[in-house]
Structure formats: structure tokens, C-alpha cells
Amino acid sequence: MTPLPRPPAWTAPLPPAEPPADMTVHHLPTGTYETRAALAFRGGSFRDKRPFAASAVLVRHPKGDLLIDAGFGAAVAEHIAMLPRFVRAPYQAGRTAAEQLDAIGYDRGRLLGVVPTHAHWDHVGGLDGLGGTPLWMNRLEREYAAADPDGKVYRQVSRGHEIHEYAFADRPYLGFPSTYDVHGDGSVVIALAGGHTTGSVIVFVTLPTGPRYAFVGDLTWQIDGIRRPAERPWLMSRLADSDPAQLRRDLLRMIALDGLLRIVPAHDLGSYEGIPLLVPDPAAQARPGRHA
């Protein structure tokens, strides 16, 4: 691949959105694993060890909540053992997304589902503790996850989960041509970005207080891919990406948006800074049968 050019900045108006006043977003960190920057983006150093985040993000909305990704599961050691040896890395596991939800007395009946940005192990492992929660997948990612060797963990942890298959409309959003507006108010918009896997997505979230987020999954593994800008090293892209050319087009789209919204690569730990963690709801704690 040739060097990545910096595209012109986005100058059109941002899409309208009407998020409800009580909509919030929360970071659920479930652990990290260690990768060298040289393997994450071009120009990175082998001496630079990066703690790759494995996280879920809870988007609370009065019409129903969503988890973006599920992070590590309770059986993370078993999941890593299912991977090829050359991709295994030292890891540190924290509380699973399910444990963090239960710790604050969260009513899982509020969860519409889990929206994986894609079906790789470190994004779906936490499904093993979220039994009864639907799994939101588009057709392309369902087909990828059912057949690709990298879907091995997904195929295990998704057993018993109801699959809610959503479909994209030909409705452009910030340069992405195929999108799905979850609540119909522009607050949560899923965009097809099928380069890393064939059905990978970006989830755009707009809060009532003004901030906009783009949870970009593995479009880039570190924010350096946006800021430098830089693609993955050639070999890593060949190993990891289904369509490197499409990934490059989508990466350029996101680079053009930098500064207009908060871009959060799934594995960039620092990009989650400022997104609040889950804390107990005093009203929920006061109700009989609730626990913190």
C-alpha cells in the first residue's frame, strides 16, 4: 500500500439528532492485553508496549439500552487458548460486563441487545455472561462469523442467544453510505464499515449534552491511526483485514471527521478517558430486591 494521505476535513453540517435528555453512555473496561505499537500502526516502535483495551460501552436510552461490544468473558483464558499461538498475548482480566452490570443492580431487561462492532473474540467473549440478551448482527457479519476461522470464539459464546438481524438503509451518514438509525432519532446510528471483517460497523452516538462519539471498532487499533494518520503494517493487515482497500476508504472518512466528534478505537485505552464508568443508581438501590 502507498502512504496514507490526509483527506480534506469534513466541512458539511453534522447530521441532525434529537437524543432524549436522559440518554447516557458508560465505559465498561473488562481487561487489557499487551501489543507492541509496531504491530498496531505503521511507524510504531517495537519498544512501545501498548495495553490494548477489551471493553464494552453501555448506551442508555429510554427506548432501550445497548451494549457496544462485550469485551472479555469469564472464560477469557479458554477463549485465548482457542486462538492460533502466534496471536496470543499476555493479558489482564478485570470484571466482565455482566459483573459490572450486576454490581450496580442493573435491570438487564432494559438491554435491547449487544451490538458487536465485529465478531472477533475480544469483542464478543463477554457474551458468555449475558445469557438471555439478544445479539444484534447484520447479515454480512453473521455470514462472516459463521464461516471464518476467526469466528471460533463467537460461535461458542453466541449459542443460545437470540439473533436480531438489523438491515442497513441507503441513507448516508458522515460519508458512510449504508446505515441503520436504531431509535429513529439520530442518537445511535450504526454504519457499515466492512473492511476489517465483511460486516464490521461503526456506532455513532450523539448525547443530549452535545458530545458526539464514533465507536469505530477495529477500523484502527490505536488512535495513532487517525492522528498520524497511519494504516496497519502490511503484514498485520494481510492477516487481520478482510478488505484492506475498503478499510482504507473508511479510515480516510474517519480521519476527515477528527475534531468534530470523539473517535474511540476499541483497543485504544486512552480514547475512553472521560467516558464515565457505571455507578450504582440510588433509586435502584432503594427498591426492594436490588443490590449494589
Protein backbone atom coordinates (compact mmCIF):
# COMPACT_ATOMS: atom_id res chain seq x y z
CA MET A 1 0.00 0.00 0.00
CA THR A 2 1.10 3.56 -0.65
CA PRO A 3 1.43 6.02 2.28
CA LEU A 4 -1.88 7.16 3.71
CA PRO A 5 -2.76 10.67 2.56
CA ARG A 6 -4.57 13.04 4.89
CA PRO A 7 -8.01 13.76 3.42
CA PRO A 8 -9.69 17.19 3.44
CA ALA A 9 -11.52 17.91 6.69
CA TRP A 10 -15.29 17.39 6.74
CA THR A 11 -16.98 20.75 6.21
CA ALA A 12 -20.64 19.81 5.74
CA PRO A 13 -23.07 20.17 8.67
CA LEU A 14 -23.20 17.33 11.15
CA PRO A 15 -26.34 15.18 10.87
CA PRO A 16 -29.31 16.28 12.97
CA ALA A 17 -30.09 14.30 16.10
CA GLU A 18 -32.69 14.52 18.85
CA PRO A 19 -31.27 12.46 21.73
CA PRO A 20 -33.53 12.27 24.80
CA ALA A 21 -32.50 14.26 27.83
CA ASP A 22 -31.76 11.19 29.97
CA MET A 23 -29.58 9.38 27.45
CA THR A 24 -26.08 8.50 28.73
CA VAL A 25 -23.01 6.47 27.73
CA HIS A 26 -20.72 4.44 30.02
CA HIS A 27 -17.41 2.60 29.69
CA LEU A 28 -17.21 -0.97 31.00
CA PRO A 29 -13.50 -1.94 30.93
CA THR A 30 -13.07 -5.72 31.11
CA GLY A 31 -9.29 -6.04 30.76
CA THR A 32 -6.30 -5.47 28.51
CA TYR A 33 -3.75 -7.45 26.55
CA GLU A 34 -0.29 -6.37 25.51
CA THR A 35 0.72 -5.47 21.93
CA ARG A 36 3.66 -3.53 20.55
CA ALA A 37 2.95 -0.29 18.73
CA ALA A 38 4.97 -1.50 15.74
CA LEU A 39 2.34 -4.19 15.18
CA ALA A 40 -0.56 -1.78 15.56
CA PHE A 41 0.23 1.04 13.13
CA ARG A 42 2.89 1.99 10.65
CA GLY A 43 5.69 3.94 12.27
CA GLY A 44 5.11 2.46 15.72
CA SER A 45 8.05 1.34 17.83
CA PHE A 46 8.77 -2.21 18.99
CA ARG A 47 9.86 -0.70 22.31
CA ASP A 48 6.43 0.87 22.77
CA LYS A 49 4.23 -1.68 24.58
CA ARG A 50 0.54 -0.82 24.39
CA PRO A 51 -2.20 -2.14 26.70
CA PHE A 52 -4.93 -2.97 24.20
CA ALA A 53 -8.34 -2.38 25.77
CA ALA A 54 -11.09 -5.00 25.78
CA SER A 55 -14.23 -3.10 26.70
CA ALA A 56 -17.95 -2.78 26.39
CA VAL A 57 -19.84 0.51 26.13
CA LEU A 58 -23.34 0.86 27.57
CA VAL A 59 -25.62 3.33 25.78
CA ARG A 60 -28.65 4.09 27.93
CA HIS A 61 -31.73 5.32 26.10
CA PRO A 62 -35.35 5.48 27.30
CA LYS A 63 -36.42 3.27 24.36
CA GLY A 64 -33.97 0.58 25.47
CA ASP A 65 -30.25 0.23 26.13
CA LEU A 66 -27.50 -1.26 24.00
CA LEU A 67 -24.06 -2.66 24.73
CA ILE A 68 -21.49 -1.89 22.06
CA ASP A 69 -19.17 -4.92 22.16
CA ALA A 70 -18.93 -7.25 25.15
CA GLY A 71 -15.21 -7.34 26.00
CA PHE A 72 -13.58 -10.27 27.78
CA GLY A 73 -15.75 -13.05 29.12
CA ALA A 74 -15.48 -15.05 32.30
CA ALA A 75 -13.82 -17.79 30.23
CA VAL A 76 -11.20 -15.48 28.72
CA ALA A 77 -8.38 -17.99 29.30
CA GLU A 78 -10.34 -20.64 27.42
CA HIS A 79 -11.10 -18.18 24.61
CA ILE A 80 -7.44 -17.22 24.22
CA ALA A 81 -6.48 -20.91 24.13
CA MET A 82 -8.75 -21.24 21.08
CA LEU A 83 -6.65 -18.71 19.15
CA PRO A 84 -3.62 -19.51 16.97
CA ARG A 85 -0.48 -19.41 19.12
CA PHE A 86 1.08 -16.53 17.19
CA VAL A 87 -1.73 -14.11 18.15
CA ARG A 88 -1.88 -14.95 21.86
CA ALA A 89 -0.58 -12.20 24.13
CA PRO A 90 -0.16 -11.54 27.86
CA TYR A 91 -3.44 -10.26 29.27
CA GLN A 92 -5.01 -8.88 32.41
CA ALA A 93 -8.67 -9.62 33.01
CA GLY A 94 -10.97 -7.39 35.03
CA ARG A 95 -14.64 -7.68 35.84
CA THR A 96 -16.79 -8.80 32.95
CA ALA A 97 -19.51 -6.55 31.54
CA ALA A 98 -22.12 -8.81 33.15
CA GLU A 99 -20.44 -8.50 36.55
CA GLN A 100 -20.30 -4.72 36.25
CA LEU A 101 -23.98 -4.51 35.33
CA ASP A 102 -24.97 -6.78 38.19
CA ALA A 103 -22.79 -4.85 40.66
CA ILE A 104 -24.95 -1.74 40.26
CA GLY A 105 -28.24 -3.61 40.33
CA TYR A 106 -28.83 -3.00 36.62
CA ASP A 107 -32.08 -4.41 35.23
CA ARG A 108 -30.94 -6.47 32.26
CA GLY A 109 -34.46 -6.36 30.94
CA ARG A 110 -33.57 -2.86 29.74
CA LEU A 111 -30.98 -4.27 27.34
CA LEU A 112 -32.25 -4.38 23.78
CA GLY A 113 -29.09 -6.26 22.89
CA VAL A 114 -25.36 -6.38 22.32
CA VAL A 115 -24.09 -4.75 19.11
CA PRO A 116 -20.64 -6.16 18.31
CA THR A 117 -18.56 -3.87 16.12
CA HIS A 118 -17.45 -7.22 14.69
CA ALA A 119 -17.34 -10.86 15.75
CA HIS A 120 -13.72 -11.31 16.90
CA TRP A 121 -13.08 -12.96 20.26
CA ASP A 122 -12.09 -9.84 22.21
CA HIS A 123 -15.33 -8.09 21.23
CA VAL A 124 -17.78 -10.92 21.90
CA GLY A 125 -16.23 -13.02 24.69
CA GLY A 126 -18.38 -11.33 27.32
CA LEU A 127 -21.50 -12.83 25.75
CA ASP A 128 -20.77 -15.86 27.91
CA GLY A 129 -22.17 -13.98 30.91
CA LEU A 130 -25.06 -12.26 29.14
CA GLY A 131 -27.42 -15.13 28.59
CA GLY A 132 -30.88 -14.01 27.56
CA THR A 133 -29.61 -10.80 25.96
CA PRO A 134 -30.25 -10.61 22.19
CA LEU A 135 -27.31 -10.26 19.83
CA TRP A 136 -27.66 -7.57 17.17
CA MET A 137 -25.89 -8.54 13.94
CA ASN A 138 -26.14 -7.55 10.30
CA ARG A 139 -26.32 -10.23 7.62
CA LEU A 140 -22.76 -9.72 6.37
CA GLU A 141 -21.24 -10.15 9.83
CA ARG A 142 -23.43 -13.15 10.61
CA GLU A 143 -22.14 -14.84 7.46
CA TYR A 144 -18.53 -13.92 8.30
CA ALA A 145 -18.82 -15.16 11.88
CA ALA A 146 -20.43 -18.44 10.81
CA ALA A 147 -17.65 -19.40 8.40
CA ASP A 148 -14.37 -17.62 9.17
CA PRO A 149 -11.77 -19.29 11.43
CA ASP A 150 -11.60 -16.05 13.48
CA GLY A 151 -15.25 -16.60 14.42
CA LYS A 152 -14.47 -19.69 16.51
CA VAL A 153 -14.99 -17.99 19.89
CA TYR A 154 -18.08 -16.18 18.61
CA ARG A 155 -19.64 -19.47 17.56
CA GLN A 156 -19.18 -20.80 21.08
CA VAL A 157 -20.35 -17.80 23.12
CA SER A 158 -23.31 -16.93 20.86
CA ARG A 159 -25.02 -20.28 21.41
CA GLY A 160 -28.45 -19.75 22.90
CA HIS A 161 -28.53 -16.03 22.11
CA GLU A 162 -31.44 -14.74 20.10
CA ILE A 163 -30.08 -13.05 16.96
CA HIS A 164 -31.70 -9.78 15.97
CA GLU A 165 -30.64 -9.15 12.39
CA TYR A 166 -30.79 -5.47 11.52
CA ALA A 167 -30.61 -4.17 7.95
CA PHE A 168 -28.92 -1.09 6.57
CA ALA A 169 -30.68 1.61 4.57
CA ASP A 170 -29.15 3.57 1.72
CA ARG A 171 -29.03 6.64 3.93
CA PRO A 172 -25.64 8.37 4.03
CA TYR A 173 -24.25 9.45 7.39
CA LEU A 174 -20.98 11.40 7.58
CA GLY A 175 -19.79 9.84 4.34
CA PHE A 176 -20.84 6.27 5.12
CA PRO A 177 -23.47 5.18 2.58
CA SER A 178 -25.20 2.32 4.43
CA THR A 179 -26.59 2.99 7.90
CA TYR A 180 -29.20 1.99 10.47
CA ASP A 181 -30.79 4.52 12.84
CA VAL A 182 -31.54 2.42 15.92
CA HIS A 183 -34.13 4.62 17.66
CA GLY A 184 -35.16 6.82 14.73
CA ASP A 185 -33.95 9.98 16.47
CA GLY A 186 -30.37 10.10 15.19
CA SER A 187 -28.92 9.39 18.64
CA VAL A 188 -27.49 5.95 17.78
CA VAL A 189 -26.58 5.27 14.16
CA ILE A 190 -24.83 2.10 13.01
CA ALA A 191 -22.79 2.43 9.80
CA LEU A 192 -21.42 -0.41 7.70
CA ALA A 193 -17.61 -0.27 7.53
CA GLY A 194 -16.84 -3.72 6.17
CA GLY A 195 -13.06 -3.67 5.82
CA HIS A 196 -11.72 -5.39 8.94
CA THR A 197 -14.43 -8.03 8.68
CA THR A 198 -17.08 -8.07 5.97
CA GLY A 199 -19.78 -6.80 8.32
CA SER A 200 -17.77 -4.57 10.66
CA VAL A 201 -19.62 -1.48 11.86
CA ILE A 202 -19.04 1.93 13.40
CA VAL A 203 -21.55 3.06 16.02
CA PHE A 204 -22.15 6.82 16.12
CA VAL A 205 -23.64 8.11 19.37
CA THR A 206 -24.91 11.66 19.99
CA LEU A 207 -25.64 12.73 23.57
CA PRO A 208 -28.16 15.39 24.64
CA THR A 209 -25.37 17.39 26.28
CA GLY A 210 -23.68 17.84 22.91
CA PRO A 211 -20.79 15.32 22.66
CA ARG A 212 -20.71 13.00 19.68
CA TYR A 213 -18.85 9.71 19.65
CA ALA A 214 -17.75 7.30 16.96
CA PHE A 215 -17.04 3.82 18.33
CA VAL A 216 -15.02 2.55 15.39
CA GLY A 217 -14.17 -0.99 16.50
CA ASP A 218 -11.00 -2.20 14.77
CA LEU A 219 -11.03 0.29 11.92
CA THR A 220 -7.75 1.26 13.56
CA TRP A 221 -6.33 -0.40 16.64
CA GLN A 222 -4.95 2.80 18.13
CA ILE A 223 -5.88 6.49 17.83
CA ASP A 224 -2.49 6.96 16.14
CA GLY A 225 -4.14 5.58 13.01
CA ILE A 226 -6.35 8.68 12.97
CA ARG A 227 -3.91 11.29 14.25
CA ARG A 228 -0.74 10.40 12.31
CA PRO A 229 -2.54 9.18 10.08
CA ALA A 230 -1.35 5.60 9.63
CA GLU A 231 -2.64 2.25 8.48
CA ARG A 232 -1.80 -1.11 9.98
CA PRO A 233 1.57 -2.61 8.95
CA TRP A 234 1.23 -4.51 5.69
CA LEU A 235 1.64 -7.97 7.21
CA MET A 236 -0.81 -7.29 10.04
CA SER A 237 -3.37 -6.01 7.56
CA ARG A 238 -2.96 -9.12 5.43
CA LEU A 239 -3.51 -11.29 8.49
CA ALA A 240 -6.33 -9.30 10.10
CA ASP A 241 -8.37 -7.48 7.44
CA SER A 242 -10.94 -8.92 5.05
CA ASP A 243 -10.78 -5.99 2.62
CA PRO A 244 -7.80 -3.65 3.16
CA ALA A 245 -8.89 -1.33 0.35
CA GLN A 246 -12.33 -0.83 1.89
CA LEU A 247 -10.79 -0.37 5.32
CA ARG A 248 -8.57 2.38 3.92
CA ARG A 249 -11.56 4.20 2.41
CA ASP A 250 -13.42 4.08 5.72
CA LEU A 251 -10.34 5.09 7.70
CA LEU A 252 -9.96 8.15 5.48
CA ARG A 253 -13.61 9.02 6.14
CA MET A 254 -12.99 8.95 9.89
CA ILE A 255 -9.74 10.93 9.63
CA ALA A 256 -11.70 13.68 7.88
CA LEU A 257 -14.05 13.79 10.90
CA ASP A 258 -11.36 14.04 13.57
CA GLY A 259 -12.01 17.02 15.81
CA LEU A 260 -15.74 17.11 15.03
CA LEU A 261 -16.55 14.11 17.21
CA ARG A 262 -14.77 11.83 19.64
CA ILE A 263 -13.28 8.84 17.83
CA VAL A 264 -12.87 5.76 20.03
CA PRO A 265 -10.92 2.80 18.58
CA ALA A 266 -11.98 -0.26 20.54
CA HIS A 267 -8.45 -1.12 21.68
CA ASP A 268 -7.12 2.38 22.47
CA LEU A 269 -7.33 2.61 26.24
CA GLY A 270 -6.74 6.36 26.37
CA SER A 271 -9.61 7.06 23.99
CA TYR A 272 -12.09 6.01 26.69
CA GLU A 273 -10.86 8.65 29.13
CA GLY A 274 -13.71 10.90 30.21
CA ILE A 275 -16.42 8.36 29.42
CA PRO A 276 -17.96 7.65 32.83
CA LEU A 277 -17.87 4.22 34.41
CA LEU A 278 -21.01 2.61 35.76
CA VAL A 279 -22.04 3.71 39.25
CA PRO A 280 -24.96 2.49 41.35
CA ASP A 281 -28.30 4.17 40.76
CA PRO A 282 -29.57 5.37 44.20
CA ALA A 283 -33.17 4.95 43.09
CA ALA A 284 -32.49 1.35 42.00
CA GLN A 285 -30.69 0.62 45.26
CA ALA A 286 -33.69 1.84 47.25
CA ARG A 287 -36.08 -0.61 45.57
CA PRO A 288 -36.61 -3.97 47.33
CA GLY A 289 -34.56 -6.80 45.86
CA ARG A 290 -31.85 -4.54 44.43
CA HIS A 291 -28.21 -4.80 45.38
CA ALA A 292 -25.11 -2.73 44.71
